[in-house]
């Protein structure tokens, strides 16, 4: 019987979401007949895994240390096959400016923006409104703030706890479209209509805070276009397994306008409210089939 260690928790800002993802995956993998060990990841994870010696690690970690290439490097050293993307793809996708360079080189449209140092902000730096403030390497919209045209706020008014640099991008109005990729296939696209200003951390993980339109109500050619863009992003970063790419469509609801890629998530959520299981389900893939495929797809890069 294949022994799967489900890595969850950790110490990032997304710890609680990771625990929810991990719990759902543990239960599904047990229903699939695997021997499963749930592992709440701490800094002694290498010695824990040396003792456990699982056949596969199912990486249900979110955020820093779990999806930025670090845990992937540990698993490479231990030669334990693991789900999702490898070291380089994980680190590229998590580093928003680095990912944008790859996307732009591949012909994918990205929002204009630049990196500001904390000192530049303190010295009074400005950026044309409306704009979005993002940490360079967090997920799940952690630390994201939007400042619109007529708001009485500036860069200097935003509390900052995510390092010495910030990414400021032009805000793209319009529709939120997200696409799941599984292996070499884009599974489908969903449109998100958050009740608040944008699809923030609360909207992602609180039931009733956002409406999901599955499949995204787009003209067939535009639907295929955004699927192809997500597959291109998956490939250009070197992802494997499952990923989810997030887009903005700057139209007024008729399916026109341009798609802008915001980011690619190499460790998309696996909670009851998560989008990849929802998109997979619409494609006829049950949650159990999804996690089984991910375990069978697990590998090391070297």
C-alpha atoms as a PDB file:
ATOM      1  CA  UNK A   1       0.000   0.000   0.000  1.00  0.00           C
ATOM      2  CA  UNK A   2       1.362   3.406  -1.000  1.00  0.00           C
ATOM      3  CA  UNK A   3       2.198   5.558   2.025  1.00  0.00           C
ATOM      4  CA  UNK A   4       1.362   9.238   1.488  1.00  0.00           C
ATOM      5  CA  UNK A   5       2.477  11.953   3.898  1.00  0.00           C
ATOM      6  CA  UNK A   6       0.239  15.021   3.597  1.00  0.00           C
ATOM      7  CA  UNK A   7       2.260  18.128   4.438  1.00  0.00           C
ATOM      8  CA  UNK A   8       0.114  20.902   5.900  1.00  0.00           C
ATOM      9  CA  UNK A   9       0.090  23.801   8.327  1.00  0.00           C
ATOM     10  CA  UNK A  10       3.566  25.268   8.472  1.00  0.00           C
ATOM     11  CA  UNK A  11       4.169  28.786   9.752  1.00  0.00           C
ATOM     12  CA  UNK A  12       3.199  31.084   6.874  1.00  0.00           C
ATOM     13  CA  UNK A  13       0.369  33.615   6.909  1.00  0.00           C
ATOM     14  CA  UNK A  14      -1.751  30.919   5.229  1.00  0.00           C
ATOM     15  CA  UNK A  15      -1.332  28.275   7.933  1.00  0.00           C
ATOM     16  CA  UNK A  16      -5.044  27.868   8.737  1.00  0.00           C
ATOM     17  CA  UNK A  17      -6.025  27.536   5.085  1.00  0.00           C
ATOM     18  CA  UNK A  18      -3.300  24.926   4.620  1.00  0.00           C
ATOM     19  CA  UNK A  19      -4.649  22.933   7.549  1.00  0.00           C
ATOM     20  CA  UNK A  20      -8.096  22.968   5.921  1.00  0.00           C
ATOM     21  CA  UNK A  21      -6.648  21.882   2.559  1.00  0.00           C
ATOM     22  CA  UNK A  22      -4.599  19.169   4.230  1.00  0.00           C
ATOM     23  CA  UNK A  23      -7.523  17.779   6.192  1.00  0.00           C
ATOM     24  CA  UNK A  24      -9.677  17.523   3.058  1.00  0.00           C
ATOM     25  CA  UNK A  25      -6.862  15.789   1.165  1.00  0.00           C
ATOM     26  CA  UNK A  26      -6.157  13.346   4.013  1.00  0.00           C
ATOM     27  CA  UNK A  27      -9.793  12.268   4.074  1.00  0.00           C
ATOM     28  CA  UNK A  28      -9.994  11.912   0.288  1.00  0.00           C
ATOM     29  CA  UNK A  29      -6.740   9.941   0.076  1.00  0.00           C
ATOM     30  CA  UNK A  30      -7.912   7.587   2.818  1.00  0.00           C
ATOM     31  CA  UNK A  31     -11.115   7.008   0.843  1.00  0.00           C
ATOM     32  CA  UNK A  32      -8.905   6.148  -2.124  1.00  0.00           C
ATOM     33  CA  UNK A  33      -7.231   3.403  -0.097  1.00  0.00           C
ATOM     34  CA  UNK A  34      -3.830   4.983   0.589  1.00  0.00           C
ATOM     35  CA  UNK A  35      -1.972   4.730   3.876  1.00  0.00           C
ATOM     36  CA  UNK A  36      -1.986   8.379   4.941  1.00  0.00           C
ATOM     37  CA  UNK A  37      -0.018  10.301   7.567  1.00  0.00           C
ATOM     38  CA  UNK A  38      -0.935  13.916   8.283  1.00  0.00           C
ATOM     39  CA  UNK A  39       2.151  16.038   9.031  1.00  0.00           C
ATOM     40  CA  UNK A  40       1.864  19.512  10.549  1.00  0.00           C
ATOM     41  CA  UNK A  41       5.105  20.905   9.193  1.00  0.00           C
ATOM     42  CA  UNK A  42       7.620  22.415  11.599  1.00  0.00           C
ATOM     43  CA  UNK A  43      11.266  23.303  11.102  1.00  0.00           C
ATOM     44  CA  UNK A  44      12.344  19.734  11.854  1.00  0.00           C
ATOM     45  CA  UNK A  45      10.461  18.451   8.798  1.00  0.00           C
ATOM     46  CA  UNK A  46      13.547  16.818   7.262  1.00  0.00           C
ATOM     47  CA  UNK A  47      14.131  14.584  10.292  1.00  0.00           C
ATOM     48  CA  UNK A  48      10.397  13.822  10.541  1.00  0.00           C
ATOM     49  CA  UNK A  49      10.320  12.632   6.948  1.00  0.00           C
ATOM     50  CA  UNK A  50      13.548  10.677   7.369  1.00  0.00           C
ATOM     51  CA  UNK A  51      11.775   8.735  10.117  1.00  0.00           C
ATOM     52  CA  UNK A  52       8.466   8.336   8.270  1.00  0.00           C
ATOM     53  CA  UNK A  53       9.979   7.533   4.846  1.00  0.00           C
ATOM     54  CA  UNK A  54       6.704   7.915   2.949  1.00  0.00           C
ATOM     55  CA  UNK A  55       6.469   6.818  -0.672  1.00  0.00           C
ATOM     56  CA  UNK A  56       5.018  10.211  -1.670  1.00  0.00           C
ATOM     57  CA  UNK A  57       4.546  13.622  -0.079  1.00  0.00           C
ATOM     58  CA  UNK A  58       1.304  15.394  -0.891  1.00  0.00           C
ATOM     59  CA  UNK A  59       2.183  19.064  -0.533  1.00  0.00           C
ATOM     60  CA  UNK A  60      -0.847  20.860   0.925  1.00  0.00           C
ATOM     61  CA  UNK A  61       1.219  23.768   2.258  1.00  0.00           C
ATOM     62  CA  UNK A  62       0.335  27.311   1.211  1.00  0.00           C
ATOM     63  CA  UNK A  63       2.378  30.479   1.304  1.00  0.00           C
ATOM     64  CA  UNK A  64       6.036  31.011   2.096  1.00  0.00           C
ATOM     65  CA  UNK A  65       8.214  27.979   2.848  1.00  0.00           C
ATOM     66  CA  UNK A  66       5.538  25.702   1.331  1.00  0.00           C
ATOM     67  CA  UNK A  67       5.135  26.904  -2.232  1.00  0.00           C
ATOM     68  CA  UNK A  68       8.227  29.016  -2.851  1.00  0.00           C
ATOM     69  CA  UNK A  69      10.676  26.196  -3.596  1.00  0.00           C
ATOM     70  CA  UNK A  70      12.037  25.694  -0.080  1.00  0.00           C
ATOM     71  CA  UNK A  71      10.108  22.579   0.982  1.00  0.00           C
ATOM     72  CA  UNK A  72      10.532  21.300  -2.565  1.00  0.00           C
ATOM     73  CA  UNK A  73      14.310  21.547  -2.136  1.00  0.00           C
ATOM     74  CA  UNK A  74      14.142  19.545   1.097  1.00  0.00           C
ATOM     75  CA  UNK A  75      12.119  16.837  -0.653  1.00  0.00           C
ATOM     76  CA  UNK A  76      14.587  16.762  -3.540  1.00  0.00           C
ATOM     77  CA  UNK A  77      17.446  16.199  -1.095  1.00  0.00           C
ATOM     78  CA  UNK A  78      15.497  13.422   0.645  1.00  0.00           C
ATOM     79  CA  UNK A  79      14.575  11.931  -2.763  1.00  0.00           C
ATOM     80  CA  UNK A  80      10.878  11.692  -1.817  1.00  0.00           C
ATOM     81  CA  UNK A  81       8.501  12.219  -4.764  1.00  0.00           C
ATOM     82  CA  UNK A  82       6.105  15.108  -4.167  1.00  0.00           C
ATOM     83  CA  UNK A  83       3.044  16.655  -5.748  1.00  0.00           C
ATOM     84  CA  UNK A  84       2.816  19.976  -7.587  1.00  0.00           C
ATOM     85  CA  UNK A  85       5.676  21.958  -9.093  1.00  0.00           C
ATOM     86  CA  UNK A  86       9.389  21.619  -8.467  1.00  0.00           C
ATOM     87  CA  UNK A  87      11.956  23.982  -6.976  1.00  0.00           C
ATOM     88  CA  UNK A  88      12.441  26.445  -9.838  1.00  0.00           C
ATOM     89  CA  UNK A  89       8.817  26.696 -10.980  1.00  0.00           C
ATOM     90  CA  UNK A  90       7.654  27.131  -7.393  1.00  0.00           C
ATOM     91  CA  UNK A  91      10.143  29.896  -6.647  1.00  0.00           C
ATOM     92  CA  UNK A  92       9.442  31.699  -9.939  1.00  0.00           C
ATOM     93  CA  UNK A  93       5.671  31.629  -9.497  1.00  0.00           C
ATOM     94  CA  UNK A  94       5.879  32.848  -5.899  1.00  0.00           C
ATOM     95  CA  UNK A  95       8.157  35.769  -6.839  1.00  0.00           C
ATOM     96  CA  UNK A  96       5.627  38.049  -8.565  1.00  0.00           C
ATOM     97  CA  UNK A  97       8.136  40.298 -10.409  1.00  0.00           C
ATOM     98  CA  UNK A  98      10.098  37.267 -11.657  1.00  0.00           C
ATOM     99  CA  UNK A  99       6.905  35.567 -12.831  1.00  0.00           C
ATOM    100  CA  UNK A 100       5.802  38.726 -14.659  1.00  0.00           C
ATOM    101  CA  UNK A 101       9.068  38.753 -16.617  1.00  0.00           C
ATOM    102  CA  UNK A 102       8.435  35.181 -17.739  1.00  0.00           C
ATOM    103  CA  UNK A 103       4.825  35.932 -18.644  1.00  0.00           C
ATOM    104  CA  UNK A 104       5.741  39.033 -20.649  1.00  0.00           C
ATOM    105  CA  UNK A 105       8.475  37.167 -22.518  1.00  0.00           C
ATOM    106  CA  UNK A 106       5.874  34.558 -23.495  1.00  0.00           C
ATOM    107  CA  UNK A 107       3.536  37.232 -24.850  1.00  0.00           C
ATOM    108  CA  UNK A 108       1.078  37.246 -21.949  1.00  0.00           C
ATOM    109  CA  UNK A 109      -0.335  40.642 -21.046  1.00  0.00           C
ATOM    110  CA  UNK A 110       0.529  41.891 -17.531  1.00  0.00           C
ATOM    111  CA  UNK A 111      -0.430  45.023 -15.619  1.00  0.00           C
ATOM    112  CA  UNK A 112       2.137  47.830 -15.601  1.00  0.00           C
ATOM    113  CA  UNK A 113       3.957  48.237 -12.322  1.00  0.00           C
ATOM    114  CA  UNK A 114       7.226  48.672 -10.485  1.00  0.00           C
ATOM    115  CA  UNK A 115       8.933  47.713  -7.248  1.00  0.00           C
ATOM    116  CA  UNK A 116       9.289  50.337  -4.511  1.00  0.00           C
ATOM    117  CA  UNK A 117      11.601  50.075  -1.534  1.00  0.00           C
ATOM    118  CA  UNK A 118      10.215  50.804   1.902  1.00  0.00           C
ATOM    119  CA  UNK A 119      12.459  53.873   2.045  1.00  0.00           C
ATOM    120  CA  UNK A 120      11.093  55.216  -1.252  1.00  0.00           C
ATOM    121  CA  UNK A 121       7.576  54.916   0.140  1.00  0.00           C
ATOM    122  CA  UNK A 122       8.552  56.655   3.374  1.00  0.00           C
ATOM    123  CA  UNK A 123      10.171  59.424   1.319  1.00  0.00           C
ATOM    124  CA  UNK A 124       6.825  60.140  -0.367  1.00  0.00           C
ATOM    125  CA  UNK A 125       6.825  57.995  -3.509  1.00  0.00           C
ATOM    126  CA  UNK A 126       3.640  58.118  -5.591  1.00  0.00           C
ATOM    127  CA  UNK A 127       2.065  56.007  -8.343  1.00  0.00           C
ATOM    128  CA  UNK A 128      -0.775  56.909 -10.751  1.00  0.00           C
ATOM    129  CA  UNK A 129      -4.187  55.871  -9.412  1.00  0.00           C
ATOM    130  CA  UNK A 130      -5.891  53.450  -9.344  1.00  0.00           C
ATOM    131  CA  UNK A 131      -3.254  50.966  -8.195  1.00  0.00           C
ATOM    132  CA  UNK A 132      -2.733  47.739  -6.284  1.00  0.00           C
ATOM    133  CA  UNK A 133      -0.150  47.166  -3.555  1.00  0.00           C
ATOM    134  CA  UNK A 134       1.185  43.620  -3.321  1.00  0.00           C
ATOM    135  CA  UNK A 135       3.829  41.758  -1.321  1.00  0.00           C
ATOM    136  CA  UNK A 136       6.483  40.319  -3.605  1.00  0.00           C
ATOM    137  CA  UNK A 137       6.082  36.752  -2.375  1.00  0.00           C
ATOM    138  CA  UNK A 138       2.812  35.997  -0.602  1.00  0.00           C
ATOM    139  CA  UNK A 139      -0.255  34.107  -1.808  1.00  0.00           C
ATOM    140  CA  UNK A 140      -4.045  34.078  -1.265  1.00  0.00           C
ATOM    141  CA  UNK A 141      -4.170  37.889  -1.602  1.00  0.00           C
ATOM    142  CA  UNK A 142      -2.356  38.241   1.738  1.00  0.00           C
ATOM    143  CA  UNK A 143      -1.285  41.876   2.131  1.00  0.00           C
ATOM    144  CA  UNK A 144      -2.986  43.078  -1.073  1.00  0.00           C
ATOM    145  CA  UNK A 145      -4.510  46.577  -0.943  1.00  0.00           C
ATOM    146  CA  UNK A 146      -6.316  48.532  -3.681  1.00  0.00           C
ATOM    147  CA  UNK A 147      -6.345  52.343  -3.810  1.00  0.00           C
ATOM    148  CA  UNK A 148      -8.893  53.812  -6.216  1.00  0.00           C
ATOM    149  CA  UNK A 149      -9.146  57.207  -7.890  1.00  0.00           C
ATOM    150  CA  UNK A 150     -10.879  59.339  -5.264  1.00  0.00           C
ATOM    151  CA  UNK A 151      -9.813  57.643  -2.033  1.00  0.00           C
ATOM    152  CA  UNK A 152      -8.162  59.735   0.632  1.00  0.00           C
ATOM    153  CA  UNK A 153      -5.279  57.298   1.073  1.00  0.00           C
ATOM    154  CA  UNK A 154      -1.708  57.188  -0.170  1.00  0.00           C
ATOM    155  CA  UNK A 155       1.072  54.636  -0.223  1.00  0.00           C
ATOM    156  CA  UNK A 156       2.351  56.034   3.052  1.00  0.00           C
ATOM    157  CA  UNK A 157      -0.943  55.246   4.810  1.00  0.00           C
ATOM    158  CA  UNK A 158      -0.802  51.482   4.249  1.00  0.00           C
ATOM    159  CA  UNK A 159       0.685  49.381   7.100  1.00  0.00           C
ATOM    160  CA  UNK A 160       3.429  47.171   5.734  1.00  0.00           C
ATOM    161  CA  UNK A 161       4.761  43.975   7.296  1.00  0.00           C
ATOM    162  CA  UNK A 162       5.933  41.966   4.297  1.00  0.00           C
ATOM    163  CA  UNK A 163       9.552  42.885   3.758  1.00  0.00           C
ATOM    164  CA  UNK A 164      11.558  45.849   2.517  1.00  0.00           C
ATOM    165  CA  UNK A 165      10.062  46.017  -0.985  1.00  0.00           C
ATOM    166  CA  UNK A 166       6.547  46.288  -2.369  1.00  0.00           C
ATOM    167  CA  UNK A 167       5.101  45.741  -5.842  1.00  0.00           C
ATOM    168  CA  UNK A 168       2.792  48.490  -7.076  1.00  0.00           C
ATOM    169  CA  UNK A 169       0.700  47.705 -10.164  1.00  0.00           C
ATOM    170  CA  UNK A 170      -1.905  49.560 -12.182  1.00  0.00           C
ATOM    171  CA  UNK A 171      -5.348  48.370 -11.101  1.00  0.00           C
ATOM    172  CA  UNK A 172      -7.184  46.544 -13.895  1.00  0.00           C
ATOM    173  CA  UNK A 173     -10.950  46.954 -13.541  1.00  0.00           C
ATOM    174  CA  UNK A 174     -13.327  44.355 -14.880  1.00  0.00           C
ATOM    175  CA  UNK A 175     -13.990  40.678 -14.354  1.00  0.00           C
ATOM    176  CA  UNK A 176     -12.097  38.078 -12.287  1.00  0.00           C
ATOM    177  CA  UNK A 177     -11.438  34.871 -14.276  1.00  0.00           C
ATOM    178  CA  UNK A 178      -9.520  31.895 -12.874  1.00  0.00           C
ATOM    179  CA  UNK A 179      -8.333  28.830 -14.772  1.00  0.00           C
ATOM    180  CA  UNK A 180      -7.198  25.414 -13.496  1.00  0.00           C
ATOM    181  CA  UNK A 181      -4.516  23.421 -15.302  1.00  0.00           C
ATOM    182  CA  UNK A 182      -3.941  19.719 -14.683  1.00  0.00           C
ATOM    183  CA  UNK A 183      -0.840  18.278 -16.298  1.00  0.00           C
ATOM    184  CA  UNK A 184      -0.897  19.406 -19.925  1.00  0.00           C
ATOM    185  CA  UNK A 185      -4.583  20.319 -20.031  1.00  0.00           C
ATOM    186  CA  UNK A 186      -6.534  23.421 -19.016  1.00  0.00           C
ATOM    187  CA  UNK A 187      -9.620  22.071 -17.249  1.00  0.00           C
ATOM    188  CA  UNK A 188     -11.861  25.122 -17.338  1.00  0.00           C
ATOM    189  CA  UNK A 189     -12.432  28.692 -16.228  1.00  0.00           C
ATOM    190  CA  UNK A 190     -14.605  30.149 -13.476  1.00  0.00           C
ATOM    191  CA  UNK A 191     -15.668  33.757 -13.007  1.00  0.00           C
ATOM    192  CA  UNK A 192     -15.574  35.124  -9.465  1.00  0.00           C
ATOM    193  CA  UNK A 193     -17.898  37.901  -8.341  1.00  0.00           C
ATOM    194  CA  UNK A 194     -16.796  38.958  -4.844  1.00  0.00           C
ATOM    195  CA  UNK A 195     -19.264  40.841  -2.684  1.00  0.00           C
ATOM    196  CA  UNK A 196     -16.488  43.147  -1.516  1.00  0.00           C
ATOM    197  CA  UNK A 197     -14.005  45.251  -3.438  1.00  0.00           C
ATOM    198  CA  UNK A 198     -12.001  42.311  -4.775  1.00  0.00           C
ATOM    199  CA  UNK A 199     -11.384  38.594  -4.304  1.00  0.00           C
ATOM    200  CA  UNK A 200      -9.417  39.001  -1.093  1.00  0.00           C
ATOM    201  CA  UNK A 201      -8.403  36.479   1.570  1.00  0.00           C
ATOM    202  CA  UNK A 202     -11.782  36.669   3.327  1.00  0.00           C
ATOM    203  CA  UNK A 203     -13.741  36.220   0.103  1.00  0.00           C
ATOM    204  CA  UNK A 204     -11.629  33.212  -0.858  1.00  0.00           C
ATOM    205  CA  UNK A 205     -12.153  31.311   2.363  1.00  0.00           C
ATOM    206  CA  UNK A 206     -15.504  32.484   3.754  1.00  0.00           C
ATOM    207  CA  UNK A 207     -18.668  30.927   2.404  1.00  0.00           C
ATOM    208  CA  UNK A 208     -21.083  33.443   0.887  1.00  0.00           C
ATOM    209  CA  UNK A 209     -18.467  36.174   0.303  1.00  0.00           C
ATOM    210  CA  UNK A 210     -18.176  35.547  -3.454  1.00  0.00           C
ATOM    211  CA  UNK A 211     -20.308  34.156  -6.264  1.00  0.00           C
ATOM    212  CA  UNK A 212     -18.741  31.510  -8.522  1.00  0.00           C
ATOM    213  CA  UNK A 213     -19.959  31.309 -12.133  1.00  0.00           C
ATOM    214  CA  UNK A 214     -18.865  27.936 -13.519  1.00  0.00           C
ATOM    215  CA  UNK A 215     -18.159  27.837 -16.392  1.00  0.00           C
ATOM    216  CA  UNK A 216     -17.215  31.491 -16.809  1.00  0.00           C
ATOM    217  CA  UNK A 217     -19.883  33.125 -19.010  1.00  0.00           C
ATOM    218  CA  UNK A 218     -17.642  34.102 -21.910  1.00  0.00           C
ATOM    219  CA  UNK A 219     -17.985  33.760 -25.683  1.00  0.00           C
ATOM    220  CA  UNK A 220     -16.513  30.430 -26.791  1.00  0.00           C
ATOM    221  CA  UNK A 221     -13.470  31.993 -28.458  1.00  0.00           C
ATOM    222  CA  UNK A 222     -12.657  34.122 -25.381  1.00  0.00           C
ATOM    223  CA  UNK A 223     -13.134  31.109 -23.082  1.00  0.00           C
ATOM    224  CA  UNK A 224     -10.662  29.110 -25.177  1.00  0.00           C
ATOM    225  CA  UNK A 225      -8.302  32.083 -25.250  1.00  0.00           C
ATOM    226  CA  UNK A 226      -8.017  32.356 -21.469  1.00  0.00           C
ATOM    227  CA  UNK A 227      -7.596  28.576 -21.151  1.00  0.00           C
ATOM    228  CA  UNK A 228      -4.724  28.723 -23.612  1.00  0.00           C
ATOM    229  CA  UNK A 229      -3.146  31.633 -21.715  1.00  0.00           C
ATOM    230  CA  UNK A 230      -3.261  29.658 -18.460  1.00  0.00           C
ATOM    231  CA  UNK A 231      -1.663  26.657 -20.129  1.00  0.00           C
ATOM    232  CA  UNK A 232       1.067  28.910 -21.541  1.00  0.00           C
ATOM    233  CA  UNK A 233       1.725  30.366 -18.066  1.00  0.00           C
ATOM    234  CA  UNK A 234       1.892  26.840 -16.584  1.00  0.00           C
ATOM    235  CA  UNK A 235       4.424  25.790 -19.210  1.00  0.00           C
ATOM    236  CA  UNK A 236       6.566  28.933 -19.254  1.00  0.00           C
ATOM    237  CA  UNK A 237       7.114  28.703 -15.494  1.00  0.00           C
ATOM    238  CA  UNK A 238       7.899  25.002 -15.803  1.00  0.00           C
ATOM    239  CA  UNK A 239       4.986  23.914 -13.607  1.00  0.00           C
ATOM    240  CA  UNK A 240       3.887  20.341 -13.218  1.00  0.00           C
ATOM    241  CA  UNK A 241       0.854  18.743 -11.621  1.00  0.00           C
ATOM    242  CA  UNK A 242      -1.967  21.171 -10.870  1.00  0.00           C
ATOM    243  CA  UNK A 243      -1.831  24.968 -11.058  1.00  0.00           C
ATOM    244  CA  UNK A 244      -4.341  27.821 -11.123  1.00  0.00           C
ATOM    245  CA  UNK A 245      -3.846  31.088 -12.981  1.00  0.00           C
ATOM    246  CA  UNK A 246      -5.710  34.283 -12.126  1.00  0.00           C
ATOM    247  CA  UNK A 247      -6.765  36.835 -14.739  1.00  0.00           C
ATOM    248  CA  UNK A 248      -8.579  40.142 -15.030  1.00  0.00           C
ATOM    249  CA  UNK A 249     -10.730  40.847 -18.081  1.00  0.00           C
ATOM    250  CA  UNK A 250     -11.069  44.605 -18.536  1.00  0.00           C
ATOM    251  CA  UNK A 251     -14.500  44.635 -20.195  1.00  0.00           C
ATOM    252  CA  UNK A 252     -18.001  45.742 -19.281  1.00  0.00           C
ATOM    253  CA  UNK A 253     -19.547  42.285 -19.293  1.00  0.00           C
ATOM    254  CA  UNK A 254     -19.892  41.437 -22.995  1.00  0.00           C
ATOM    255  CA  UNK A 255     -16.715  39.328 -23.215  1.00  0.00           C
ATOM    256  CA  UNK A 256     -14.649  41.943 -25.054  1.00  0.00           C
ATOM    257  CA  UNK A 257     -11.513  43.647 -23.769  1.00  0.00           C
ATOM    258  CA  UNK A 258      -8.132  42.201 -22.886  1.00  0.00           C
ATOM    259  CA  UNK A 259      -7.115  39.458 -20.480  1.00  0.00           C
ATOM    260  CA  UNK A 260      -4.342  40.345 -18.023  1.00  0.00           C
ATOM    261  CA  UNK A 261      -2.610  37.579 -16.100  1.00  0.00           C
ATOM    262  CA  UNK A 262      -2.182  38.413 -12.416  1.00  0.00           C
ATOM    263  CA  UNK A 263      -0.349  35.328 -11.154  1.00  0.00           C
ATOM    264  CA  UNK A 264      -0.037  31.546 -11.314  1.00  0.00           C
ATOM    265  CA  UNK A 265      -0.538  29.552  -8.133  1.00  0.00           C
ATOM    266  CA  UNK A 266       1.474  26.332  -7.977  1.00  0.00           C
ATOM    267  CA  UNK A 267      -0.199  25.215  -4.716  1.00  0.00           C
ATOM    268  CA  UNK A 268      -3.859  26.101  -5.251  1.00  0.00           C
ATOM    269  CA  UNK A 269      -6.240  25.613  -2.358  1.00  0.00           C
ATOM    270  CA  UNK A 270      -7.921  22.276  -1.798  1.00  0.00           C
ATOM    271  CA  UNK A 271     -10.622  23.354   0.663  1.00  0.00           C
ATOM    272  CA  UNK A 272     -14.371  22.960   0.182  1.00  0.00           C
ATOM    273  CA  UNK A 273     -14.499  26.517  -1.206  1.00  0.00           C
ATOM    274  CA  UNK A 274     -11.421  26.162  -3.422  1.00  0.00           C
ATOM    275  CA  UNK A 275     -11.591  26.727  -7.147  1.00  0.00           C
ATOM    276  CA  UNK A 276      -9.495  23.876  -8.555  1.00  0.00           C
ATOM    277  CA  UNK A 277     -11.731  21.134  -7.081  1.00  0.00           C
ATOM    278  CA  UNK A 278     -14.775  23.083  -8.319  1.00  0.00           C
ATOM    279  CA  UNK A 279     -13.390  23.415 -11.845  1.00  0.00           C
ATOM    280  CA  UNK A 280     -12.266  19.775 -11.866  1.00  0.00           C
ATOM    281  CA  UNK A 281     -15.717  18.694 -10.714  1.00  0.00           C
ATOM    282  CA  UNK A 282     -17.323  20.557 -13.608  1.00  0.00           C
ATOM    283  CA  UNK A 283     -14.921  18.697 -15.930  1.00  0.00           C
ATOM    284  CA  UNK A 284     -16.165  15.393 -14.499  1.00  0.00           C
ATOM    285  CA  UNK A 285     -13.232  14.782 -12.145  1.00  0.00           C
ATOM    286  CA  UNK A 286     -14.228  14.013  -8.556  1.00  0.00           C
ATOM    287  CA  UNK A 287     -12.178  15.256  -5.606  1.00  0.00           C
ATOM    288  CA  UNK A 288     -10.958  11.692  -4.973  1.00  0.00           C
ATOM    289  CA  UNK A 289      -9.941  11.288  -8.614  1.00  0.00           C
ATOM    290  CA  UNK A 290      -8.144  14.629  -8.494  1.00  0.00           C
ATOM    291  CA  UNK A 291      -6.023  13.820  -5.433  1.00  0.00           C
ATOM    292  CA  UNK A 292      -5.320  10.298  -6.711  1.00  0.00           C
ATOM    293  CA  UNK A 293      -4.044  11.738  -9.981  1.00  0.00           C
ATOM    294  CA  UNK A 294      -1.855  14.161  -8.076  1.00  0.00           C
ATOM    295  CA  UNK A 295      -0.284  11.349  -6.053  1.00  0.00           C
ATOM    296  CA  UNK A 296       0.325   9.287  -9.181  1.00  0.00           C
ATOM    297  CA  UNK A 297       1.845  12.348 -10.877  1.00  0.00           C
ATOM    298  CA  UNK A 298       4.236  13.040  -7.967  1.00  0.00           C
ATOM    299  CA  UNK A 299       7.950  13.001  -8.746  1.00  0.00           C
ATOM    300  CA  UNK A 300      11.347  14.474  -7.988  1.00  0.00           C
ATOM    301  CA  UNK A 301      13.174  16.604 -10.532  1.00  0.00           C
ATOM    302  CA  UNK A 302      16.540  14.906 -10.124  1.00  0.00           C
END
